Amino acid sequence: MSKVLGEYFRTVRSSDAYDYQYGDIRDFVTSSIEEGSCDWIITNPPFRLAEEFVLRAMRGARRGVAILARSVFLESVGRYNAIFRDRPPTKFAQFSERVPMVKGRLDRKASTATGYAWLVWERDATAQVPQLMWIPPCRKQLERAEDYENPQRASMSYDPFGSLRPLP
């Protein structure tokens, strides 16, 4: 995800609690996060910690938060009370095709029966009702052979804040 975000954002800071050979090793839930320390926090949190990720991200992001989560993330009284009642997402973008996810790697042959969606909270949004949208089938058009190459730490450069940049 960080690799693709780097195609659209000037700076992308990447981290994970586990060493997947990409970004800093840092636990988002337990590490400190300064209020308003970045424009956007865009993440694919572990499902069992997604609520905590959203609450922490809302404090850390100046412009917005986006999480990639199972569609059933919406189904919870606890999450409704903690997040959705007072701060519903501004956008809910459901994938129309199933997006296979394999922990820590990409697998061209993976499949899934699980539905995923992007939930987005925009700080300056004026709409009170979340906008429902669908992401049309696009996997075959957007995937590239190099997406499946394993990133190597040796080919990446890190600035003092953990920003990931390809070396020249």
N, C-alpha and C. Protein backbone atom coordinates (compact mmCIF):
# COMPACT_ATOMS: atom_id res chain seq x y z
N MET A 1 0.83 -1.19 0.00
CA MET A 1 0.00 0.00 0.00
C MET A 1 0.88 1.25 0.00
N SER A 2 1.96 1.26 0.77
CA SER A 2 2.83 2.43 0.83
C SER A 2 3.47 2.73 -0.51
N LYS A 3 3.83 1.69 -1.22
CA LYS A 3 4.45 1.85 -2.53
C LYS A 3 3.51 2.60 -3.49
N VAL A 4 2.25 2.23 -3.51
CA VAL A 4 1.27 2.88 -4.38
C VAL A 4 0.97 4.30 -3.88
N LEU A 5 0.84 4.48 -2.59
CA LEU A 5 0.58 5.83 -2.05
C LEU A 5 1.72 6.78 -2.42
N GLY A 6 2.94 6.25 -2.50
CA GLY A 6 4.09 7.07 -2.89
C GLY A 6 3.99 7.61 -4.30
N GLU A 7 3.13 7.02 -5.12
CA GLU A 7 2.92 7.52 -6.48
C GLU A 7 2.00 8.75 -6.48
N TYR A 8 1.31 9.00 -5.38
CA TYR A 8 0.33 10.09 -5.32
C TYR A 8 0.65 11.15 -4.28
N PHE A 9 1.46 10.81 -3.28
CA PHE A 9 1.81 11.75 -2.22
C PHE A 9 3.31 12.02 -2.25
N ARG A 10 3.70 13.24 -1.93
CA ARG A 10 5.11 13.63 -1.93
C ARG A 10 5.90 12.84 -0.90
N THR A 11 5.33 12.66 0.28
CA THR A 11 6.01 11.93 1.36
C THR A 11 5.06 10.88 1.93
N VAL A 12 5.58 9.69 2.10
CA VAL A 12 4.81 8.61 2.72
C VAL A 12 5.67 8.03 3.83
N ARG A 13 5.15 8.02 5.04
CA ARG A 13 5.84 7.38 6.17
C ARG A 13 5.20 6.02 6.37
N SER A 14 6.00 4.99 6.36
CA SER A 14 5.49 3.63 6.45
C SER A 14 6.00 2.95 7.71
N SER A 15 5.12 2.20 8.35
CA SER A 15 5.54 1.42 9.51
C SER A 15 4.61 0.24 9.69
N ASP A 16 5.09 -0.74 10.42
CA ASP A 16 4.29 -1.91 10.77
C ASP A 16 4.88 -2.48 12.04
N ALA A 17 4.08 -3.19 12.78
CA ALA A 17 4.55 -3.82 14.02
C ALA A 17 5.48 -4.99 13.73
N TYR A 18 5.46 -5.48 12.49
CA TYR A 18 6.29 -6.62 12.10
C TYR A 18 7.19 -6.22 10.94
N ASP A 19 8.30 -6.91 10.82
CA ASP A 19 9.27 -6.61 9.77
C ASP A 19 8.88 -7.32 8.48
N TYR A 20 8.23 -6.56 7.58
CA TYR A 20 7.87 -7.09 6.27
C TYR A 20 8.81 -6.54 5.20
N GLN A 21 9.98 -6.04 5.63
CA GLN A 21 10.98 -5.50 4.72
C GLN A 21 10.52 -4.22 4.04
N TYR A 22 9.64 -3.47 4.71
CA TYR A 22 9.15 -2.23 4.10
C TYR A 22 8.77 -1.28 5.22
N GLY A 23 9.45 -0.19 5.33
CA GLY A 23 9.11 0.81 6.33
C GLY A 23 9.70 0.48 7.69
N ASP A 24 9.41 1.36 8.63
CA ASP A 24 9.91 1.21 10.00
C ASP A 24 9.13 0.14 10.75
N ILE A 25 9.79 -0.45 11.72
CA ILE A 25 9.11 -1.39 12.61
C ILE A 25 8.64 -0.58 13.81
N ARG A 26 7.32 -0.44 13.91
CA ARG A 26 6.74 0.40 14.97
C ARG A 26 5.30 -0.02 15.16
N ASP A 27 4.89 -0.16 16.40
CA ASP A 27 3.53 -0.54 16.72
C ASP A 27 2.68 0.73 16.85
N PHE A 28 1.76 0.93 15.94
CA PHE A 28 0.93 2.13 15.92
C PHE A 28 0.12 2.30 17.20
N VAL A 29 -0.33 1.20 17.78
CA VAL A 29 -1.18 1.26 18.97
C VAL A 29 -0.41 1.67 20.21
N THR A 30 0.84 1.22 20.34
CA THR A 30 1.57 1.50 21.58
C THR A 30 2.55 2.66 21.46
N SER A 31 2.92 3.04 20.25
CA SER A 31 3.88 4.14 20.11
C SER A 31 3.16 5.49 20.22
N SER A 32 3.92 6.50 20.57
CA SER A 32 3.31 7.82 20.72
C SER A 32 3.02 8.41 19.35
N ILE A 33 1.97 9.20 19.30
CA ILE A 33 1.60 9.90 18.07
C ILE A 33 1.23 11.32 18.47
N GLU A 34 1.91 12.25 17.86
CA GLU A 34 1.67 13.65 18.18
C GLU A 34 0.40 14.13 17.48
N GLU A 35 -0.40 14.90 18.19
CA GLU A 35 -1.64 15.42 17.61
C GLU A 35 -1.35 16.26 16.38
N GLY A 36 -2.06 15.97 15.30
CA GLY A 36 -1.90 16.71 14.06
C GLY A 36 -0.52 16.56 13.44
N SER A 37 0.14 15.44 13.64
CA SER A 37 1.52 15.26 13.17
C SER A 37 1.65 14.94 11.69
N CYS A 38 0.55 14.63 11.02
CA CYS A 38 0.61 14.37 9.58
C CYS A 38 -0.72 14.76 8.94
N ASP A 39 -0.71 14.90 7.63
CA ASP A 39 -1.94 15.28 6.93
C ASP A 39 -2.96 14.14 6.97
N TRP A 40 -2.55 12.99 6.49
CA TRP A 40 -3.44 11.83 6.41
C TRP A 40 -2.81 10.63 7.10
N ILE A 41 -3.63 9.82 7.70
CA ILE A 41 -3.21 8.49 8.15
C ILE A 41 -4.06 7.51 7.37
N ILE A 42 -3.37 6.71 6.56
CA ILE A 42 -4.02 5.74 5.68
C ILE A 42 -3.45 4.38 6.05
N THR A 43 -4.32 3.44 6.43
CA THR A 43 -3.82 2.20 6.98
C THR A 43 -4.75 1.02 6.71
N ASN A 44 -4.19 -0.14 6.84
CA ASN A 44 -4.92 -1.40 6.79
C ASN A 44 -4.68 -2.06 8.15
N PRO A 45 -5.43 -1.67 9.16
CA PRO A 45 -5.13 -2.16 10.51
C PRO A 45 -5.57 -3.61 10.71
N PRO A 46 -4.96 -4.29 11.68
CA PRO A 46 -5.48 -5.62 12.04
C PRO A 46 -6.93 -5.45 12.47
N PHE A 47 -7.81 -6.34 12.03
CA PHE A 47 -9.23 -6.18 12.27
C PHE A 47 -9.55 -6.01 13.76
N ARG A 48 -8.92 -6.79 14.60
CA ARG A 48 -9.24 -6.73 16.04
C ARG A 48 -8.79 -5.42 16.68
N LEU A 49 -7.89 -4.68 16.02
CA LEU A 49 -7.41 -3.41 16.56
C LEU A 49 -7.88 -2.20 15.76
N ALA A 50 -8.73 -2.42 14.77
CA ALA A 50 -9.12 -1.34 13.85
C ALA A 50 -9.79 -0.18 14.57
N GLU A 51 -10.64 -0.46 15.54
CA GLU A 51 -11.30 0.63 16.29
C GLU A 51 -10.26 1.50 16.99
N GLU A 52 -9.30 0.87 17.64
CA GLU A 52 -8.25 1.61 18.33
C GLU A 52 -7.39 2.40 17.33
N PHE A 53 -7.11 1.82 16.17
CA PHE A 53 -6.36 2.51 15.13
C PHE A 53 -7.10 3.78 14.70
N VAL A 54 -8.40 3.66 14.46
CA VAL A 54 -9.18 4.82 14.01
C VAL A 54 -9.14 5.92 15.06
N LEU A 55 -9.37 5.58 16.30
CA LEU A 55 -9.39 6.60 17.36
C LEU A 55 -8.04 7.30 17.49
N ARG A 56 -6.95 6.55 17.43
CA ARG A 56 -5.61 7.15 17.51
C ARG A 56 -5.31 7.98 16.26
N ALA A 57 -5.68 7.45 15.10
CA ALA A 57 -5.42 8.15 13.84
C ALA A 57 -6.16 9.48 13.79
N MET A 58 -7.38 9.52 14.31
CA MET A 58 -8.17 10.76 14.31
C MET A 58 -7.44 11.86 15.08
N ARG A 59 -6.70 11.50 16.09
CA ARG A 59 -5.93 12.50 16.84
C ARG A 59 -4.67 12.92 16.08
N GLY A 60 -4.08 12.01 15.34
CA GLY A 60 -2.81 12.29 14.69
C GLY A 60 -2.91 12.97 13.33
N ALA A 61 -4.06 12.86 12.69
CA ALA A 61 -4.20 13.37 11.31
C ALA A 61 -4.83 14.76 11.28
N ARG A 62 -4.23 15.65 10.49
CA ARG A 62 -4.78 17.00 10.32
C ARG A 62 -5.93 17.02 9.32
N ARG A 63 -5.82 16.27 8.23
CA ARG A 63 -6.82 16.34 7.15
C ARG A 63 -7.79 15.17 7.14
N GLY A 64 -7.30 13.97 7.44
CA GLY A 64 -8.22 12.84 7.40
C GLY A 64 -7.58 11.51 7.69
N VAL A 65 -8.45 10.52 7.78
CA VAL A 65 -8.07 9.14 8.08
C VAL A 65 -8.77 8.24 7.08
N ALA A 66 -8.06 7.25 6.58
CA ALA A 66 -8.67 6.24 5.70
C ALA A 66 -8.18 4.87 6.16
N ILE A 67 -9.12 3.96 6.33
CA ILE A 67 -8.73 2.60 6.68
C ILE A 67 -9.33 1.63 5.68
N LEU A 68 -8.54 0.63 5.37
CA LEU A 68 -9.00 -0.49 4.56
C LEU A 68 -9.40 -1.57 5.55
N ALA A 69 -10.67 -1.94 5.54
CA ALA A 69 -11.16 -2.90 6.53
C ALA A 69 -12.19 -3.83 5.92
N ARG A 70 -12.43 -4.92 6.61
CA ARG A 70 -13.52 -5.80 6.20
C ARG A 70 -14.81 -5.01 6.28
N SER A 71 -15.71 -5.25 5.37
CA SER A 71 -16.98 -4.53 5.33
C SER A 71 -17.77 -4.70 6.63
N VAL A 72 -17.60 -5.81 7.29
CA VAL A 72 -18.34 -6.06 8.53
C VAL A 72 -17.85 -5.18 9.68
N PHE A 73 -16.82 -4.37 9.44
CA PHE A 73 -16.36 -3.43 10.46
C PHE A 73 -17.50 -2.52 10.91
N LEU A 74 -18.47 -2.29 10.02
CA LEU A 74 -19.62 -1.44 10.36
C LEU A 74 -20.54 -2.09 11.39
N GLU A 75 -20.46 -3.42 11.53
CA GLU A 75 -21.39 -4.18 12.36
C GLU A 75 -20.88 -4.35 13.79
N SER A 76 -21.09 -3.39 14.62
CA SER A 76 -20.69 -3.53 16.02
C SER A 76 -21.30 -2.40 16.84
N VAL A 77 -21.97 -2.76 17.91
CA VAL A 77 -22.52 -1.75 18.81
C VAL A 77 -21.38 -0.96 19.46
N GLY A 78 -20.31 -1.67 19.80
CA GLY A 78 -19.16 -1.00 20.42
C GLY A 78 -18.54 0.04 19.49
N ARG A 79 -18.32 -0.33 18.23
CA ARG A 79 -17.75 0.63 17.28
C ARG A 79 -18.74 1.74 16.97
N TYR A 80 -20.02 1.41 16.92
CA TYR A 80 -21.02 2.45 16.71
C TYR A 80 -20.92 3.50 17.82
N ASN A 81 -20.88 3.06 19.06
CA ASN A 81 -20.81 3.99 20.20
C ASN A 81 -19.48 4.73 20.26
N ALA A 82 -18.37 4.05 19.94
CA ALA A 82 -17.04 4.66 20.07
C ALA A 82 -16.68 5.56 18.89
N ILE A 83 -17.17 5.23 17.69
CA ILE A 83 -16.72 5.96 16.50
C ILE A 83 -17.89 6.51 15.69
N PHE A 84 -18.75 5.62 15.21
CA PHE A 84 -19.70 5.98 14.16
C PHE A 84 -20.82 6.94 14.60
N ARG A 85 -21.29 6.84 15.82
CA ARG A 85 -22.40 7.70 16.25
C ARG A 85 -22.03 9.18 16.19
N ASP A 86 -20.87 9.52 16.73
CA ASP A 86 -20.48 10.93 16.80
C ASP A 86 -19.57 11.36 15.65
N ARG A 87 -18.86 10.41 15.05
CA ARG A 87 -17.94 10.73 13.95
C ARG A 87 -18.06 9.69 12.85
N PRO A 88 -19.17 9.68 12.13
CA PRO A 88 -19.29 8.68 11.05
C PRO A 88 -18.30 9.00 9.93
N PRO A 89 -17.89 7.99 9.20
CA PRO A 89 -17.00 8.27 8.07
C PRO A 89 -17.70 9.15 7.05
N THR A 90 -16.94 9.94 6.33
CA THR A 90 -17.53 10.78 5.28
C THR A 90 -17.75 9.97 4.01
N LYS A 91 -16.95 8.92 3.83
CA LYS A 91 -17.09 8.06 2.66
C LYS A 91 -16.96 6.59 3.07
N PHE A 92 -17.76 5.78 2.43
CA PHE A 92 -17.67 4.32 2.57
C PHE A 92 -17.60 3.77 1.16
N ALA A 93 -16.41 3.30 0.76
CA ALA A 93 -16.18 2.84 -0.61
C ALA A 93 -16.01 1.32 -0.61
N GLN A 94 -17.05 0.64 -1.04
CA GLN A 94 -17.07 -0.83 -1.06
C GLN A 94 -16.44 -1.36 -2.33
N PHE A 95 -15.51 -2.30 -2.20
CA PHE A 95 -14.95 -2.97 -3.38
C PHE A 95 -16.03 -3.86 -3.97
N SER A 96 -16.27 -3.74 -5.26
CA SER A 96 -17.28 -4.58 -5.91
C SER A 96 -16.72 -5.97 -6.21
N GLU A 97 -15.39 -6.08 -6.30
CA GLU A 97 -14.78 -7.40 -6.45
C GLU A 97 -14.06 -7.74 -5.15
N ARG A 98 -13.87 -9.01 -4.91
CA ARG A 98 -13.18 -9.43 -3.68
C ARG A 98 -11.69 -9.15 -3.83
N VAL A 99 -11.10 -8.60 -2.78
CA VAL A 99 -9.69 -8.25 -2.78
C VAL A 99 -8.97 -9.22 -1.85
N PRO A 100 -8.20 -10.15 -2.40
CA PRO A 100 -7.51 -11.11 -1.53
C PRO A 100 -6.37 -10.44 -0.76
N MET A 101 -6.29 -10.76 0.52
CA MET A 101 -5.23 -10.20 1.37
C MET A 101 -4.52 -11.36 2.04
N VAL A 102 -3.19 -11.34 1.96
CA VAL A 102 -2.36 -12.35 2.58
C VAL A 102 -1.40 -11.62 3.50
N LYS A 103 -1.35 -12.02 4.75
CA LYS A 103 -0.56 -11.31 5.74
C LYS A 103 0.91 -11.19 5.33
N GLY A 104 1.36 -9.95 5.22
CA GLY A 104 2.76 -9.66 5.02
C GLY A 104 3.31 -9.81 3.62
N ARG A 105 2.45 -10.12 2.65
CA ARG A 105 2.97 -10.29 1.29
C ARG A 105 1.84 -10.18 0.29
N LEU A 106 2.20 -10.05 -0.97
CA LEU A 106 1.23 -10.09 -2.06
C LEU A 106 1.29 -11.48 -2.69
N ASP A 107 0.14 -11.97 -3.08
CA ASP A 107 0.08 -13.28 -3.73
C ASP A 107 -0.87 -13.17 -4.91
N ARG A 108 -0.31 -13.27 -6.10
CA ARG A 108 -1.09 -13.14 -7.33
C ARG A 108 -2.21 -14.18 -7.42
N LYS A 109 -2.03 -15.34 -6.80
CA LYS A 109 -3.00 -16.43 -6.92
C LYS A 109 -3.98 -16.51 -5.74
N ALA A 110 -3.86 -15.60 -4.78
CA ALA A 110 -4.73 -15.64 -3.60
C ALA A 110 -6.18 -15.35 -3.98
N SER A 111 -7.09 -15.88 -3.19
CA SER A 111 -8.52 -15.59 -3.37
C SER A 111 -9.14 -15.42 -1.99
N THR A 112 -10.37 -14.93 -1.95
CA THR A 112 -11.02 -14.69 -0.67
C THR A 112 -12.54 -14.65 -0.83
N ALA A 113 -13.24 -14.90 0.26
CA ALA A 113 -14.69 -14.75 0.30
C ALA A 113 -15.06 -13.52 1.14
N THR A 114 -14.06 -12.74 1.54
CA THR A 114 -14.26 -11.59 2.41
C THR A 114 -14.39 -10.31 1.60
N GLY A 115 -15.38 -9.48 1.95
CA GLY A 115 -15.55 -8.19 1.31
C GLY A 115 -14.78 -7.11 2.07
N TYR A 116 -14.18 -6.18 1.34
CA TYR A 116 -13.42 -5.08 1.93
C TYR A 116 -13.95 -3.74 1.43
N ALA A 117 -13.68 -2.71 2.21
CA ALA A 117 -14.09 -1.36 1.86
C ALA A 117 -13.09 -0.37 2.45
N TRP A 118 -13.08 0.81 1.86
CA TRP A 118 -12.33 1.94 2.43
C TRP A 118 -13.32 2.77 3.24
N LEU A 119 -12.98 3.08 4.48
CA LEU A 119 -13.73 4.01 5.30
C LEU A 119 -12.87 5.26 5.44
N VAL A 120 -13.44 6.41 5.12
CA VAL A 120 -12.68 7.66 5.09
C VAL A 120 -13.35 8.69 5.98
N TRP A 121 -12.55 9.33 6.81
CA TRP A 121 -13.01 10.45 7.63
C TRP A 121 -12.24 11.68 7.18
N GLU A 122 -12.94 12.69 6.68
CA GLU A 122 -12.31 13.94 6.25
C GLU A 122 -12.66 15.01 7.27
N ARG A 123 -11.65 15.63 7.84
CA ARG A 123 -11.88 16.62 8.90
C ARG A 123 -12.73 17.80 8.46
N ASP A 124 -12.51 18.32 7.28
CA ASP A 124 -13.20 19.53 6.84
C ASP A 124 -14.47 19.25 6.06
N ALA A 125 -14.93 18.02 6.04
CA ALA A 125 -16.13 17.68 5.26
C ALA A 125 -17.36 18.32 5.91
N THR A 126 -18.26 18.78 5.07
CA THR A 126 -19.48 19.41 5.58
C THR A 126 -20.67 18.45 5.63
N ALA A 127 -20.61 17.37 4.88
CA ALA A 127 -21.72 16.41 4.85
C ALA A 127 -21.84 15.68 6.18
N GLN A 128 -23.05 15.52 6.65
CA GLN A 128 -23.32 14.81 7.90
C GLN A 128 -23.60 13.33 7.66
N VAL A 129 -23.95 12.99 6.43
CA VAL A 129 -24.29 11.62 6.09
C VAL A 129 -23.16 11.02 5.26
N PRO A 130 -22.67 9.83 5.64
CA PRO A 130 -21.60 9.21 4.85
C PRO A 130 -22.02 8.98 3.41
N GLN A 131 -21.09 9.20 2.50
CA GLN A 131 -21.33 8.95 1.08
C GLN A 131 -20.96 7.50 0.79
N LEU A 132 -21.94 6.75 0.29
CA LEU A 132 -21.71 5.36 -0.09
C LEU A 132 -21.30 5.31 -1.55
N MET A 133 -20.23 4.59 -1.84
CA MET A 133 -19.76 4.46 -3.22
C MET A 133 -19.18 3.07 -3.41
N TRP A 134 -19.08 2.66 -4.67
CA TRP A 134 -18.51 1.37 -5.00
C TRP A 134 -17.23 1.57 -5.79
N ILE A 135 -16.27 0.74 -5.51
CA ILE A 135 -15.04 0.71 -6.30
C ILE A 135 -15.27 -0.35 -7.37
N PRO A 136 -15.33 0.05 -8.64
CA PRO A 136 -15.63 -0.91 -9.70
C PRO A 136 -14.52 -1.94 -9.85
N PRO A 137 -14.80 -3.04 -10.52
CA PRO A 137 -13.74 -4.03 -10.77
C PRO A 137 -12.55 -3.34 -11.44
N CYS A 138 -11.37 -3.48 -10.83
CA CYS A 138 -10.21 -2.78 -11.37
C CYS A 138 -8.90 -3.52 -11.14
N ARG A 139 -8.94 -4.60 -10.42
CA ARG A 139 -7.70 -5.28 -10.04
C ARG A 139 -6.85 -5.63 -11.26
N LYS A 140 -7.45 -6.22 -12.27
CA LYS A 140 -6.68 -6.66 -13.45
C LYS A 140 -6.08 -5.47 -14.20
N GLN A 141 -6.78 -4.34 -14.24
CA GLN A 141 -6.26 -3.17 -14.96
C GLN A 141 -5.15 -2.46 -14.18
N LEU A 142 -5.23 -2.49 -12.85
CA LEU A 142 -4.31 -1.70 -12.04
C LEU A 142 -3.07 -2.45 -11.58
N GLU A 143 -3.15 -3.76 -11.44
CA GLU A 143 -2.00 -4.52 -10.97
C GLU A 143 -0.90 -4.53 -12.02
N ARG A 144 0.33 -4.49 -11.53
CA ARG A 144 1.51 -4.56 -12.40
C ARG A 144 2.40 -5.69 -11.91
N ALA A 145 3.18 -6.25 -12.79
CA ALA A 145 4.07 -7.36 -12.41
C ALA A 145 4.98 -6.96 -11.25
N GLU A 146 5.49 -5.72 -11.27
CA GLU A 146 6.42 -5.28 -10.21
C GLU A 146 5.75 -5.13 -8.85
N ASP A 147 4.43 -5.09 -8.81
CA ASP A 147 3.73 -5.02 -7.52
C ASP A 147 4.02 -6.26 -6.67
N TYR A 148 4.35 -7.34 -7.32
CA TYR A 148 4.57 -8.60 -6.61
C TYR A 148 6.03 -8.85 -6.26
N GLU A 149 6.89 -7.93 -6.64
CA GLU A 149 8.29 -8.06 -6.27
C GLU A 149 8.45 -7.72 -4.80
N ASN A 150 9.29 -8.45 -4.13
CA ASN A 150 9.53 -8.23 -2.71
C ASN A 150 10.39 -6.99 -2.51
N PRO A 151 9.92 -6.00 -1.76
CA PRO A 151 10.76 -4.82 -1.52
C PRO A 151 11.99 -5.20 -0.71
N GLN A 152 13.09 -4.55 -0.97
CA GLN A 152 14.32 -4.80 -0.25
C GLN A 152 14.72 -3.54 0.50
N ARG A 153 15.04 -3.69 1.76
CA ARG A 153 15.46 -2.53 2.55
C ARG A 153 16.64 -1.81 1.91
N ALA A 154 17.53 -2.54 1.28
CA ALA A 154 18.72 -1.92 0.69
C ALA A 154 18.36 -0.94 -0.43
N SER A 155 17.20 -1.08 -1.02
CA SER A 155 16.85 -0.19 -2.12
C SER A 155 15.99 0.99 -1.65
N MET A 156 15.87 1.17 -0.36
CA MET A 156 15.05 2.25 0.17
C MET A 156 15.89 3.18 1.03
N SER A 157 15.47 4.41 1.10
CA SER A 157 16.12 5.42 1.91
C SER A 157 15.11 5.95 2.92
N TYR A 158 15.55 6.19 4.14
CA TYR A 158 14.64 6.70 5.17
C TYR A 158 15.12 8.04 5.66
N ASP A 159 14.19 8.99 5.77
CA ASP A 159 14.57 10.26 6.36
C ASP A 159 14.40 10.13 7.88
N PRO A 160 14.79 11.12 8.67
CA PRO A 160 14.70 11.00 10.13
C PRO A 160 13.28 10.76 10.64
N PHE A 161 12.27 11.08 9.84
CA PHE A 161 10.90 10.90 10.28
C PHE A 161 10.31 9.61 9.74
N GLY A 162 11.10 8.79 9.10
CA GLY A 162 10.63 7.50 8.62
C GLY A 162 10.01 7.53 7.24
N SER A 163 10.19 8.59 6.49
CA SER A 163 9.60 8.66 5.15
C SER A 163 10.35 7.71 4.23
N LEU A 164 9.60 6.99 3.46
CA LEU A 164 10.17 6.01 2.56
C LEU A 164 10.31 6.61 1.18
N ARG A 165 11.52 6.54 0.61
CA ARG A 165 11.76 7.07 -0.72
C ARG A 165 12.66 6.10 -1.47
N PRO A 166 12.33 5.80 -2.73
CA PRO A 166 13.24 4.97 -3.52
C PRO A 166 14.54 5.71 -3.74
N LEU A 167 15.64 4.96 -3.75
CA LEU A 167 16.93 5.56 -4.03
C LEU A 167 17.03 5.87 -5.52
N PRO A 168 17.80 6.92 -5.88
CA PRO A 168 17.95 7.25 -7.30
C PRO A 168 18.70 6.15 -8.05
